[in-house]
Amino acid sequence: MKSKITGWAMALGMLGLLPGFESKAHAAVIVTITQSGPDVFATGSGSFNLTALSNGGACVCGGEVFPGFALGSLIFLGSIGGPPNFFSGISGPASFGSGASTSESSVTGTVLGLVAGDGIYVPQGYVSGTVISGTATFAGNTIAGLGLNTGTYLYTWGSGASADSLTLTIGTASTPEPTSLLLVAFPAAFMLLRMRQKSNRLS
């Protein structure tokens, strides 16, 4: 009985649904920009693998969203660790909007930036795999007013062990209901458990 319980716990843990059994997989960076009352709020967190990117050196920049930036739409979060280093070599949409630069009202956490279709900004001395997290608030603004287009934008680089990504979501993203998550999670957990039991019988 104990082995069955342990097996279920491990299976659920692989899906990230059971505390204490979290997956050790790399956490790609996710940035979301949403409307929060009269303000626009941006948050980002995760970790980068910089192996496949080219170091462009330090940049005296930050503190803005600039959808119409000539090299690709730009956004910065956080401030700790600046001035940031720029790493080029990402693939993805070159624009997530249009319009002029707007300065942030406030920021928290680690500096993190994106130039769409071109590169990313990370803190000075950043080591691949280190978790970073930052936010930015644009008070008295709307997503449309900032020139941002709602949607999800994926940026990727590298291949194999060096592969990584940044996902940018602008606008309100739908969150699956807990019941829906369980309907997906338990069949997947059952399959993982059966595969594990079969592997144990063969070994």
N, C-alpha and C. Protein backbone atom coordinates (compact mmCIF):
# COMPACT_ATOMS: atom_id res chain seq x y z
N MET A 1 0.83 -1.21 0.00
CA MET A 1 0.00 0.00 0.00
C MET A 1 0.86 1.25 0.00
N LYS A 2 1.92 1.22 0.79
CA LYS A 2 2.80 2.38 0.90
C LYS A 2 3.44 2.69 -0.44
N SER A 3 3.84 1.63 -1.19
CA SER A 3 4.49 1.85 -2.47
C SER A 3 3.54 2.50 -3.47
N LYS A 4 2.22 2.13 -3.40
CA LYS A 4 1.25 2.75 -4.30
C LYS A 4 1.07 4.23 -3.98
N ILE A 5 1.00 4.56 -2.69
CA ILE A 5 0.86 5.96 -2.28
C ILE A 5 2.07 6.76 -2.72
N THR A 6 3.28 6.20 -2.52
CA THR A 6 4.50 6.88 -2.93
C THR A 6 4.52 7.10 -4.43
N GLY A 7 4.06 6.07 -5.18
CA GLY A 7 4.03 6.20 -6.64
C GLY A 7 3.12 7.31 -7.10
N TRP A 8 1.92 7.38 -6.49
CA TRP A 8 0.99 8.47 -6.84
C TRP A 8 1.58 9.82 -6.49
N ALA A 9 2.24 9.93 -5.35
CA ALA A 9 2.84 11.20 -4.93
C ALA A 9 3.91 11.63 -5.92
N MET A 10 4.74 10.67 -6.35
CA MET A 10 5.79 11.02 -7.31
C MET A 10 5.20 11.44 -8.64
N ALA A 11 4.14 10.74 -9.08
CA ALA A 11 3.51 11.08 -10.35
C ALA A 11 2.92 12.47 -10.32
N LEU A 12 2.21 12.78 -9.22
CA LEU A 12 1.63 14.12 -9.08
C LEU A 12 2.72 15.16 -8.95
N GLY A 13 3.80 14.81 -8.28
CA GLY A 13 4.92 15.73 -8.14
C GLY A 13 5.54 16.09 -9.47
N MET A 14 5.64 15.10 -10.38
CA MET A 14 6.19 15.37 -11.71
C MET A 14 5.34 16.38 -12.46
N LEU A 15 4.04 16.41 -12.13
CA LEU A 15 3.14 17.37 -12.76
C LEU A 15 3.11 18.69 -12.01
N GLY A 16 3.87 18.79 -10.90
CA GLY A 16 3.92 20.02 -10.14
C GLY A 16 2.67 20.28 -9.32
N LEU A 17 1.92 19.20 -8.98
CA LEU A 17 0.66 19.39 -8.27
C LEU A 17 0.73 19.00 -6.80
N LEU A 18 1.90 18.56 -6.34
CA LEU A 18 2.02 18.15 -4.95
C LEU A 18 3.24 18.83 -4.33
N PRO A 19 3.04 19.66 -3.28
CA PRO A 19 4.17 20.33 -2.63
C PRO A 19 5.19 19.31 -2.13
N GLY A 20 6.47 19.68 -2.26
CA GLY A 20 7.53 18.82 -1.77
C GLY A 20 8.06 17.87 -2.82
N PHE A 21 7.36 17.76 -3.96
CA PHE A 21 7.81 16.89 -5.03
C PHE A 21 7.93 17.69 -6.33
N GLU A 22 8.33 18.96 -6.21
CA GLU A 22 8.34 19.83 -7.37
C GLU A 22 9.35 19.34 -8.41
N SER A 23 8.98 19.56 -9.68
CA SER A 23 9.89 19.22 -10.77
C SER A 23 11.11 20.11 -10.73
N LYS A 24 12.25 19.54 -11.08
CA LYS A 24 13.49 20.29 -11.09
C LYS A 24 13.80 20.84 -12.47
N ALA A 25 12.80 20.80 -13.38
CA ALA A 25 13.00 21.28 -14.74
C ALA A 25 13.28 22.78 -14.74
N HIS A 26 14.02 23.22 -15.78
CA HIS A 26 14.35 24.63 -15.92
C HIS A 26 13.08 25.48 -16.00
N ALA A 27 13.08 26.62 -15.33
CA ALA A 27 11.90 27.49 -15.31
C ALA A 27 12.07 28.61 -16.33
N ALA A 28 11.52 28.42 -17.52
CA ALA A 28 11.57 29.46 -18.54
C ALA A 28 10.87 30.71 -18.02
N VAL A 29 11.30 31.87 -18.52
CA VAL A 29 10.76 33.14 -18.02
C VAL A 29 9.37 33.41 -18.62
N ILE A 30 8.46 33.84 -17.77
CA ILE A 30 7.12 34.22 -18.19
C ILE A 30 6.86 35.66 -17.75
N VAL A 31 6.47 36.50 -18.68
CA VAL A 31 6.16 37.91 -18.40
C VAL A 31 4.69 38.14 -18.74
N THR A 32 3.95 38.74 -17.82
CA THR A 32 2.55 39.06 -18.07
C THR A 32 2.31 40.55 -17.86
N ILE A 33 1.49 41.11 -18.71
CA ILE A 33 1.09 42.52 -18.60
C ILE A 33 -0.42 42.57 -18.55
N THR A 34 -0.97 43.08 -17.45
CA THR A 34 -2.42 43.10 -17.27
C THR A 34 -2.90 44.47 -16.81
N GLN A 35 -4.19 44.70 -17.03
CA GLN A 35 -4.83 45.90 -16.52
C GLN A 35 -5.29 45.63 -15.10
N SER A 36 -4.91 46.50 -14.17
CA SER A 36 -5.31 46.36 -12.78
C SER A 36 -5.94 47.68 -12.34
N GLY A 37 -7.27 47.77 -12.44
CA GLY A 37 -7.93 49.04 -12.13
C GLY A 37 -7.48 50.11 -13.10
N PRO A 38 -7.04 51.27 -12.58
CA PRO A 38 -6.62 52.35 -13.46
C PRO A 38 -5.17 52.23 -13.93
N ASP A 39 -4.49 51.16 -13.56
CA ASP A 39 -3.06 51.02 -13.85
C ASP A 39 -2.78 49.76 -14.67
N VAL A 40 -1.62 49.76 -15.31
CA VAL A 40 -1.13 48.57 -16.00
C VAL A 40 0.00 47.99 -15.16
N PHE A 41 -0.06 46.68 -14.94
CA PHE A 41 0.91 46.01 -14.07
C PHE A 41 1.61 44.91 -14.86
N ALA A 42 2.93 44.92 -14.82
CA ALA A 42 3.73 43.90 -15.51
C ALA A 42 4.55 43.12 -14.49
N THR A 43 4.60 41.81 -14.66
CA THR A 43 5.40 40.99 -13.78
C THR A 43 6.11 39.91 -14.58
N GLY A 44 7.30 39.55 -14.15
CA GLY A 44 8.05 38.51 -14.85
C GLY A 44 8.89 37.71 -13.88
N SER A 45 9.04 36.42 -14.14
CA SER A 45 9.87 35.58 -13.28
C SER A 45 10.27 34.31 -14.02
N GLY A 46 11.34 33.69 -13.53
CA GLY A 46 11.87 32.48 -14.13
C GLY A 46 13.38 32.55 -14.18
N SER A 47 13.98 31.76 -15.03
CA SER A 47 15.44 31.78 -15.17
C SER A 47 15.82 31.58 -16.63
N PHE A 48 16.96 32.14 -17.00
CA PHE A 48 17.44 32.07 -18.37
C PHE A 48 18.62 31.13 -18.52
N ASN A 49 18.72 30.51 -19.70
CA ASN A 49 19.93 29.82 -20.12
C ASN A 49 20.54 30.69 -21.23
N LEU A 50 21.69 31.30 -20.95
CA LEU A 50 22.29 32.26 -21.87
C LEU A 50 23.29 31.63 -22.83
N THR A 51 23.47 30.31 -22.76
CA THR A 51 24.53 29.63 -23.52
C THR A 51 24.51 29.96 -25.01
N ALA A 52 23.32 29.98 -25.61
CA ALA A 52 23.22 30.17 -27.06
C ALA A 52 23.14 31.64 -27.48
N LEU A 53 23.20 32.57 -26.54
CA LEU A 53 23.07 33.99 -26.85
C LEU A 53 24.42 34.70 -26.85
N SER A 54 24.47 35.84 -27.52
CA SER A 54 25.70 36.63 -27.61
C SER A 54 25.65 37.81 -26.66
N ASN A 55 26.70 37.98 -25.86
CA ASN A 55 26.76 39.06 -24.88
C ASN A 55 27.08 40.38 -25.57
N GLY A 56 26.13 41.31 -25.49
CA GLY A 56 26.32 42.62 -26.11
C GLY A 56 26.84 43.66 -25.15
N GLY A 57 27.11 43.28 -23.90
CA GLY A 57 27.66 44.22 -22.93
C GLY A 57 26.61 44.99 -22.17
N ALA A 58 27.08 45.86 -21.28
CA ALA A 58 26.19 46.62 -20.41
C ALA A 58 25.45 47.71 -21.19
N CYS A 59 24.27 48.06 -20.69
CA CYS A 59 23.44 49.08 -21.33
C CYS A 59 22.93 50.06 -20.28
N VAL A 60 23.07 51.35 -20.55
CA VAL A 60 22.48 52.37 -19.66
C VAL A 60 21.06 52.60 -20.14
N CYS A 61 20.15 51.75 -19.68
CA CYS A 61 18.78 51.79 -20.17
C CYS A 61 17.87 51.14 -19.14
N GLY A 62 16.56 51.25 -19.39
CA GLY A 62 15.61 50.64 -18.48
C GLY A 62 14.51 51.59 -18.09
N GLY A 63 13.55 51.09 -17.31
CA GLY A 63 12.49 51.94 -16.77
C GLY A 63 11.44 52.39 -17.75
N GLU A 64 11.09 51.55 -18.75
CA GLU A 64 10.10 52.00 -19.72
C GLU A 64 9.46 50.83 -20.46
N VAL A 65 8.35 51.12 -21.13
CA VAL A 65 7.80 50.26 -22.15
C VAL A 65 7.76 51.10 -23.43
N PHE A 66 8.26 50.52 -24.53
CA PHE A 66 8.41 51.27 -25.78
C PHE A 66 8.00 50.35 -26.93
N PRO A 67 6.69 50.21 -27.17
CA PRO A 67 6.22 49.29 -28.21
C PRO A 67 6.74 49.62 -29.61
N GLY A 68 6.98 50.91 -29.87
CA GLY A 68 7.41 51.32 -31.20
C GLY A 68 8.92 51.45 -31.36
N PHE A 69 9.69 50.88 -30.45
CA PHE A 69 11.15 50.94 -30.52
C PHE A 69 11.64 50.35 -31.85
N ALA A 70 12.57 51.04 -32.51
CA ALA A 70 12.99 50.67 -33.87
C ALA A 70 13.55 49.25 -33.99
N LEU A 71 14.26 48.78 -32.97
CA LEU A 71 14.86 47.44 -33.04
C LEU A 71 13.89 46.33 -32.66
N GLY A 72 12.71 46.71 -32.17
CA GLY A 72 11.71 45.74 -31.70
C GLY A 72 11.07 46.27 -30.43
N SER A 73 9.80 45.97 -30.25
CA SER A 73 9.10 46.43 -29.05
C SER A 73 9.91 46.10 -27.79
N LEU A 74 9.91 47.03 -26.84
CA LEU A 74 10.79 46.91 -25.67
C LEU A 74 10.01 47.08 -24.37
N ILE A 75 10.40 46.31 -23.36
CA ILE A 75 9.86 46.51 -22.02
C ILE A 75 10.90 46.12 -20.98
N PHE A 76 10.92 46.87 -19.87
CA PHE A 76 11.82 46.58 -18.74
C PHE A 76 10.99 46.37 -17.48
N LEU A 77 11.46 45.47 -16.63
CA LEU A 77 10.89 45.26 -15.31
C LEU A 77 12.01 45.38 -14.29
N GLY A 78 11.65 45.66 -13.04
CA GLY A 78 12.62 45.66 -11.94
C GLY A 78 13.73 46.68 -12.08
N SER A 79 14.64 46.67 -11.09
CA SER A 79 15.76 47.62 -11.10
C SER A 79 17.02 47.04 -10.46
N ILE A 80 16.89 46.02 -9.61
CA ILE A 80 18.06 45.47 -8.91
C ILE A 80 18.97 44.76 -9.91
N GLY A 81 20.26 45.10 -9.87
CA GLY A 81 21.22 44.46 -10.76
C GLY A 81 21.56 45.27 -11.99
N GLY A 82 20.99 46.47 -12.12
CA GLY A 82 21.28 47.31 -13.28
C GLY A 82 22.56 48.09 -13.10
N PRO A 83 23.12 48.72 -14.19
CA PRO A 83 22.60 48.65 -15.55
C PRO A 83 22.71 47.24 -16.11
N PRO A 84 21.70 46.82 -16.87
CA PRO A 84 21.65 45.42 -17.30
C PRO A 84 22.62 45.09 -18.42
N ASN A 85 22.85 43.80 -18.61
CA ASN A 85 23.60 43.30 -19.75
C ASN A 85 22.62 42.87 -20.83
N PHE A 86 22.98 43.12 -22.08
CA PHE A 86 22.13 42.74 -23.20
C PHE A 86 22.68 41.48 -23.87
N PHE A 87 21.79 40.50 -24.12
CA PHE A 87 22.17 39.28 -24.82
C PHE A 87 21.28 39.13 -26.04
N SER A 88 21.88 39.07 -27.22
CA SER A 88 21.11 38.99 -28.47
C SER A 88 21.07 37.55 -29.00
N GLY A 89 20.13 37.33 -29.92
CA GLY A 89 20.06 36.03 -30.57
C GLY A 89 18.74 35.29 -30.38
N ILE A 90 17.68 36.00 -29.96
CA ILE A 90 16.39 35.34 -29.76
C ILE A 90 15.55 35.43 -31.04
N SER A 91 14.61 34.50 -31.19
CA SER A 91 13.70 34.50 -32.32
C SER A 91 12.27 34.68 -31.83
N GLY A 92 11.46 35.38 -32.62
CA GLY A 92 10.08 35.60 -32.24
C GLY A 92 9.56 36.88 -32.87
N PRO A 93 8.30 37.23 -32.62
CA PRO A 93 7.70 38.44 -33.22
C PRO A 93 8.51 39.69 -32.86
N ALA A 94 8.73 40.55 -33.86
CA ALA A 94 9.51 41.77 -33.63
C ALA A 94 8.70 42.87 -32.98
N SER A 95 7.41 42.69 -32.87
CA SER A 95 6.57 43.74 -32.31
C SER A 95 5.42 43.16 -31.50
N PHE A 96 5.13 43.81 -30.37
CA PHE A 96 3.91 43.50 -29.63
C PHE A 96 3.10 44.78 -29.41
N GLY A 97 3.29 45.74 -30.33
CA GLY A 97 2.53 46.98 -30.27
C GLY A 97 3.21 48.08 -31.04
N SER A 98 2.73 49.30 -30.83
CA SER A 98 3.31 50.48 -31.48
C SER A 98 3.11 51.68 -30.56
N GLY A 99 3.87 52.70 -30.79
CA GLY A 99 3.71 53.88 -29.97
C GLY A 99 4.98 54.30 -29.28
N ALA A 100 4.89 55.40 -28.55
CA ALA A 100 6.05 56.03 -27.93
C ALA A 100 6.42 55.36 -26.61
N SER A 101 7.55 55.82 -26.06
CA SER A 101 8.04 55.32 -24.78
C SER A 101 7.21 55.89 -23.63
N THR A 102 6.93 55.03 -22.63
CA THR A 102 6.26 55.46 -21.41
C THR A 102 7.08 54.98 -20.23
N SER A 103 7.41 55.91 -19.34
CA SER A 103 8.22 55.55 -18.17
C SER A 103 7.38 54.83 -17.13
N GLU A 104 8.02 53.95 -16.39
CA GLU A 104 7.36 53.21 -15.31
C GLU A 104 7.13 54.13 -14.12
N SER A 105 6.03 53.94 -13.41
CA SER A 105 5.75 54.69 -12.20
C SER A 105 6.52 54.12 -11.02
N SER A 106 6.64 52.79 -10.99
CA SER A 106 7.37 52.13 -9.92
C SER A 106 7.80 50.75 -10.38
N VAL A 107 8.85 50.23 -9.75
CA VAL A 107 9.35 48.90 -10.08
C VAL A 107 9.74 48.18 -8.78
N THR A 108 9.76 46.87 -8.84
CA THR A 108 10.28 46.07 -7.74
C THR A 108 11.08 44.92 -8.32
N GLY A 109 11.99 44.39 -7.53
CA GLY A 109 12.71 43.17 -7.90
C GLY A 109 13.83 43.37 -8.89
N THR A 110 14.19 42.26 -9.53
CA THR A 110 15.37 42.19 -10.39
C THR A 110 15.10 42.75 -11.77
N VAL A 111 16.11 43.42 -12.33
CA VAL A 111 15.98 43.97 -13.67
C VAL A 111 15.84 42.83 -14.68
N LEU A 112 14.92 43.02 -15.62
CA LEU A 112 14.61 42.03 -16.64
C LEU A 112 14.03 42.78 -17.82
N GLY A 113 14.57 42.56 -19.01
CA GLY A 113 14.09 43.31 -20.16
C GLY A 113 14.00 42.46 -21.41
N LEU A 114 13.21 42.93 -22.36
CA LEU A 114 13.02 42.25 -23.63
C LEU A 114 13.00 43.25 -24.77
N VAL A 115 13.78 42.97 -25.82
CA VAL A 115 13.64 43.67 -27.09
C VAL A 115 13.11 42.61 -28.05
N ALA A 116 11.85 42.74 -28.44
CA ALA A 116 11.17 41.69 -29.19
C ALA A 116 11.93 41.30 -30.45
N GLY A 117 12.15 40.01 -30.61
CA GLY A 117 12.81 39.49 -31.80
C GLY A 117 14.29 39.78 -31.87
N ASP A 118 14.87 40.36 -30.82
CA ASP A 118 16.29 40.72 -30.84
C ASP A 118 17.05 40.15 -29.66
N GLY A 119 16.66 40.49 -28.44
CA GLY A 119 17.44 40.00 -27.29
C GLY A 119 16.76 40.28 -25.96
N ILE A 120 17.46 39.91 -24.90
CA ILE A 120 16.96 40.08 -23.53
C ILE A 120 17.98 40.84 -22.70
N TYR A 121 17.50 41.43 -21.60
CA TYR A 121 18.36 42.12 -20.64
C TYR A 121 18.32 41.36 -19.32
N VAL A 122 19.49 41.18 -18.73
CA VAL A 122 19.60 40.49 -17.44
C VAL A 122 20.53 41.30 -16.54
N PRO A 123 20.52 41.04 -15.23
CA PRO A 123 21.40 41.78 -14.32
C PRO A 123 22.87 41.55 -14.62
N GLN A 124 23.70 42.50 -14.26
CA GLN A 124 25.15 42.36 -14.39
C GLN A 124 25.61 41.09 -13.66
N GLY A 125 26.46 40.30 -14.31
CA GLY A 125 27.00 39.10 -13.68
C GLY A 125 26.00 37.96 -13.56
N TYR A 126 24.90 38.03 -14.29
CA TYR A 126 23.88 36.99 -14.19
C TYR A 126 24.45 35.63 -14.59
N VAL A 127 24.12 34.60 -13.81
CA VAL A 127 24.56 33.22 -14.07
C VAL A 127 23.35 32.42 -14.54
N SER A 128 23.50 31.74 -15.68
CA SER A 128 22.40 30.94 -16.23
C SER A 128 21.80 30.03 -15.17
N GLY A 129 20.47 29.99 -15.16
CA GLY A 129 19.75 29.13 -14.22
C GLY A 129 19.35 29.82 -12.93
N THR A 130 19.86 31.03 -12.70
CA THR A 130 19.50 31.78 -11.50
C THR A 130 18.10 32.39 -11.67
N VAL A 131 17.24 32.19 -10.70
CA VAL A 131 15.87 32.72 -10.78
C VAL A 131 15.89 34.23 -10.59
N ILE A 132 15.21 34.93 -11.47
CA ILE A 132 15.05 36.37 -11.36
C ILE A 132 13.55 36.69 -11.39
N SER A 133 13.19 37.81 -10.75
CA SER A 133 11.78 38.19 -10.66
C SER A 133 11.67 39.70 -10.51
N GLY A 134 10.84 40.32 -11.34
CA GLY A 134 10.67 41.76 -11.25
C GLY A 134 9.29 42.20 -11.67
N THR A 135 8.92 43.43 -11.30
CA THR A 135 7.63 43.98 -11.68
C THR A 135 7.80 45.42 -12.15
N ALA A 136 6.77 45.92 -12.81
CA ALA A 136 6.72 47.32 -13.21
C ALA A 136 5.27 47.77 -13.22
N THR A 137 5.02 48.98 -12.74
CA THR A 137 3.68 49.55 -12.73
C THR A 137 3.65 50.81 -13.59
N PHE A 138 2.63 50.91 -14.43
CA PHE A 138 2.42 52.10 -15.26
C PHE A 138 1.10 52.72 -14.80
N ALA A 139 1.20 53.61 -13.81
CA ALA A 139 0.01 54.18 -13.17
C ALA A 139 -0.74 55.10 -14.13
N GLY A 140 -2.08 55.03 -14.04
CA GLY A 140 -2.92 55.91 -14.85
C GLY A 140 -2.87 55.62 -16.33
N ASN A 141 -2.59 54.36 -16.68
CA ASN A 141 -2.50 53.98 -18.08
C ASN A 141 -3.38 52.77 -18.36
N THR A 142 -3.66 52.57 -19.64
CA THR A 142 -4.34 51.36 -20.09
C THR A 142 -3.43 50.62 -21.06
N ILE A 143 -3.73 49.35 -21.26
CA ILE A 143 -2.93 48.56 -22.20
C ILE A 143 -2.97 49.18 -23.59
N ALA A 144 -4.17 49.56 -24.04
CA ALA A 144 -4.30 50.19 -25.36
C ALA A 144 -3.60 51.54 -25.38
N GLY A 145 -3.71 52.29 -24.29
CA GLY A 145 -3.08 53.60 -24.22
C GLY A 145 -1.57 53.55 -24.29
N LEU A 146 -1.00 52.45 -23.82
CA LEU A 146 0.46 52.27 -23.91
C LEU A 146 0.89 51.80 -25.29
N GLY A 147 -0.08 51.50 -26.15
CA GLY A 147 0.25 51.03 -27.50
C GLY A 147 0.51 49.54 -27.57
N LEU A 148 0.08 48.78 -26.56
CA LEU A 148 0.33 47.34 -26.51
C LEU A 148 -0.82 46.57 -27.16
N ASN A 149 -0.48 45.53 -27.89
CA ASN A 149 -1.48 44.66 -28.50
C ASN A 149 -1.67 43.42 -27.64
N THR A 150 -2.90 43.12 -27.28
CA THR A 150 -3.15 41.94 -26.45
C THR A 150 -2.80 40.67 -27.22
N GLY A 151 -2.39 39.65 -26.47
CA GLY A 151 -2.03 38.38 -27.09
C GLY A 151 -0.88 37.72 -26.36
N THR A 152 -0.45 36.58 -26.87
CA THR A 152 0.68 35.85 -26.30
C THR A 152 1.80 35.78 -27.33
N TYR A 153 3.01 36.12 -26.90
CA TYR A 153 4.17 36.19 -27.79
C TYR A 153 5.27 35.29 -27.24
N LEU A 154 5.77 34.38 -28.09
CA LEU A 154 6.80 33.43 -27.67
C LEU A 154 8.14 33.76 -28.31
N TYR A 155 9.18 33.82 -27.48
CA TYR A 155 10.54 34.07 -27.95
C TYR A 155 11.43 32.89 -27.54
N THR A 156 12.17 32.37 -28.49
CA THR A 156 12.98 31.18 -28.24
C THR A 156 14.41 31.37 -28.72
N TRP A 157 15.30 30.52 -28.21
CA TRP A 157 16.69 30.52 -28.67
C TRP A 157 17.35 29.19 -28.28
N GLY A 158 18.45 28.89 -28.96
CA GLY A 158 19.20 27.69 -28.65
C GLY A 158 18.51 26.42 -29.11
N SER A 159 19.16 25.29 -28.85
CA SER A 159 18.60 23.98 -29.17
C SER A 159 19.21 22.95 -28.23
N GLY A 160 18.52 21.84 -28.06
CA GLY A 160 19.02 20.81 -27.15
C GLY A 160 19.15 21.34 -25.74
N ALA A 161 20.32 21.12 -25.14
CA ALA A 161 20.55 21.55 -23.76
C ALA A 161 20.56 23.06 -23.59
N SER A 162 20.79 23.81 -24.68
CA SER A 162 20.86 25.27 -24.59
C SER A 162 19.53 25.94 -24.93
N ALA A 163 18.50 25.15 -25.25
CA ALA A 163 17.21 25.72 -25.63
C ALA A 163 16.54 26.43 -24.46
N ASP A 164 15.91 27.56 -24.75
CA ASP A 164 15.21 28.31 -23.71
C ASP A 164 14.16 29.20 -24.35
N SER A 165 13.35 29.85 -23.51
CA SER A 165 12.28 30.68 -24.06
C SER A 165 11.82 31.73 -23.06
N LEU A 166 11.15 32.74 -23.60
CA LEU A 166 10.46 33.75 -22.82
C LEU A 166 9.07 33.89 -23.42
N THR A 167 8.05 33.79 -22.59
CA THR A 167 6.67 33.95 -23.04
C THR A 167 6.10 35.24 -22.48
N LEU A 168 5.60 36.09 -23.36
CA LEU A 168 5.00 37.36 -22.97
C LEU A 168 3.50 37.29 -23.25
N THR A 169 2.70 37.53 -22.21
CA THR A 169 1.24 37.57 -22.37
C THR A 169 0.75 38.96 -22.01
N ILE A 170 0.02 39.57 -22.94
CA ILE A 170 -0.53 40.91 -22.73
C ILE A 170 -2.04 40.82 -22.70
N GLY A 171 -2.65 41.31 -21.63
CA GLY A 171 -4.09 41.22 -21.46
C GLY A 171 -4.42 40.17 -20.42
N THR A 172 -5.69 39.98 -20.17
CA THR A 172 -6.12 39.03 -19.15
C THR A 172 -6.09 37.62 -19.70
N ALA A 173 -5.27 36.77 -19.09
CA ALA A 173 -5.19 35.37 -19.50
C ALA A 173 -6.17 34.56 -18.68
N SER A 174 -6.84 33.62 -19.32
CA SER A 174 -7.80 32.77 -18.60
C SER A 174 -7.05 31.76 -17.77
N THR A 175 -7.58 31.48 -16.57
CA THR A 175 -6.98 30.51 -15.66
C THR A 175 -7.87 29.29 -15.57
N PRO A 176 -7.31 28.08 -15.85
CA PRO A 176 -8.14 26.87 -15.80
C PRO A 176 -8.74 26.69 -14.43
N GLU A 177 -9.99 26.25 -14.38
CA GLU A 177 -10.65 25.95 -13.11
C GLU A 177 -9.97 24.75 -12.47
N PRO A 178 -9.94 24.67 -11.12
CA PRO A 178 -9.32 23.53 -10.45
C PRO A 178 -9.86 22.20 -10.91
N THR A 179 -11.18 22.12 -11.18
CA THR A 179 -11.77 20.86 -11.64
C THR A 179 -11.18 20.45 -12.98
N SER A 180 -10.98 21.42 -13.87
CA SER A 180 -10.40 21.12 -15.18
C SER A 180 -8.98 20.62 -15.03
N LEU A 181 -8.23 21.21 -14.12
CA LEU A 181 -6.87 20.78 -13.89
C LEU A 181 -6.83 19.33 -13.41
N LEU A 182 -7.74 18.97 -12.52
CA LEU A 182 -7.76 17.61 -12.00
C LEU A 182 -8.14 16.61 -13.08
N LEU A 183 -9.05 16.99 -13.98
CA LEU A 183 -9.45 16.10 -15.05
C LEU A 183 -8.28 15.77 -15.96
N VAL A 184 -7.35 16.70 -16.10
CA VAL A 184 -6.16 16.46 -16.91
C VAL A 184 -5.08 15.79 -16.09
N ALA A 185 -4.92 16.22 -14.83
CA ALA A 185 -3.79 15.79 -14.02
C ALA A 185 -3.87 14.33 -13.61
N PHE A 186 -5.06 13.87 -13.17
CA PHE A 186 -5.14 12.52 -12.65
C PHE A 186 -4.94 11.45 -13.71
N PRO A 187 -5.53 11.58 -14.92
CA PRO A 187 -5.20 10.59 -15.96
C PRO A 187 -3.72 10.57 -16.30
N ALA A 188 -3.11 11.77 -16.35
CA ALA A 188 -1.68 11.84 -16.66
C ALA A 188 -0.86 11.21 -15.55
N ALA A 189 -1.26 11.46 -14.30
CA ALA A 189 -0.55 10.88 -13.17
C ALA A 189 -0.69 9.36 -13.18
N PHE A 190 -1.89 8.85 -13.54
CA PHE A 190 -2.11 7.41 -13.60
C PHE A 190 -1.21 6.77 -14.64
N MET A 191 -1.07 7.45 -15.81
CA MET A 191 -0.22 6.91 -16.86
C MET A 191 1.24 6.87 -16.43
N LEU A 192 1.69 7.92 -15.74
CA LEU A 192 3.07 7.95 -15.25
C LEU A 192 3.30 6.84 -14.25
N LEU A 193 2.32 6.60 -13.37
CA LEU A 193 2.46 5.55 -12.37
C LEU A 193 2.52 4.18 -13.02
N ARG A 194 1.64 3.92 -14.01
CA ARG A 194 1.64 2.63 -14.69
C ARG A 194 2.95 2.39 -15.42
N MET A 195 3.50 3.44 -16.06
CA MET A 195 4.78 3.32 -16.75
C MET A 195 5.90 2.99 -15.77
N ARG A 196 5.84 3.63 -14.60
CA ARG A 196 6.85 3.37 -13.59
C ARG A 196 6.77 1.94 -13.07
N GLN A 197 5.53 1.44 -12.83
CA GLN A 197 5.36 0.07 -12.35
C GLN A 197 5.82 -0.93 -13.39
N LYS A 198 5.52 -0.68 -14.67
CA LYS A 198 5.94 -1.57 -15.73
C LYS A 198 7.46 -1.61 -15.83
N SER A 199 8.09 -0.44 -15.68
CA SER A 199 9.55 -0.37 -15.73
C SER A 199 10.17 -1.16 -14.58
N ASN A 200 9.54 -1.09 -13.39
CA ASN A 200 10.06 -1.82 -12.23
C ASN A 200 9.95 -3.33 -12.44
N ARG A 201 8.85 -3.78 -13.10
CA ARG A 201 8.70 -5.22 -13.35
C ARG A 201 9.73 -5.75 -14.32
N LEU A 202 10.10 -4.89 -15.31
CA LEU A 202 11.05 -5.31 -16.33
C LEU A 202 12.48 -5.29 -15.84
N SER A 203 12.76 -4.48 -14.80
CA SER A 203 14.13 -4.35 -14.31
C SER A 203 14.46 -5.44 -13.30
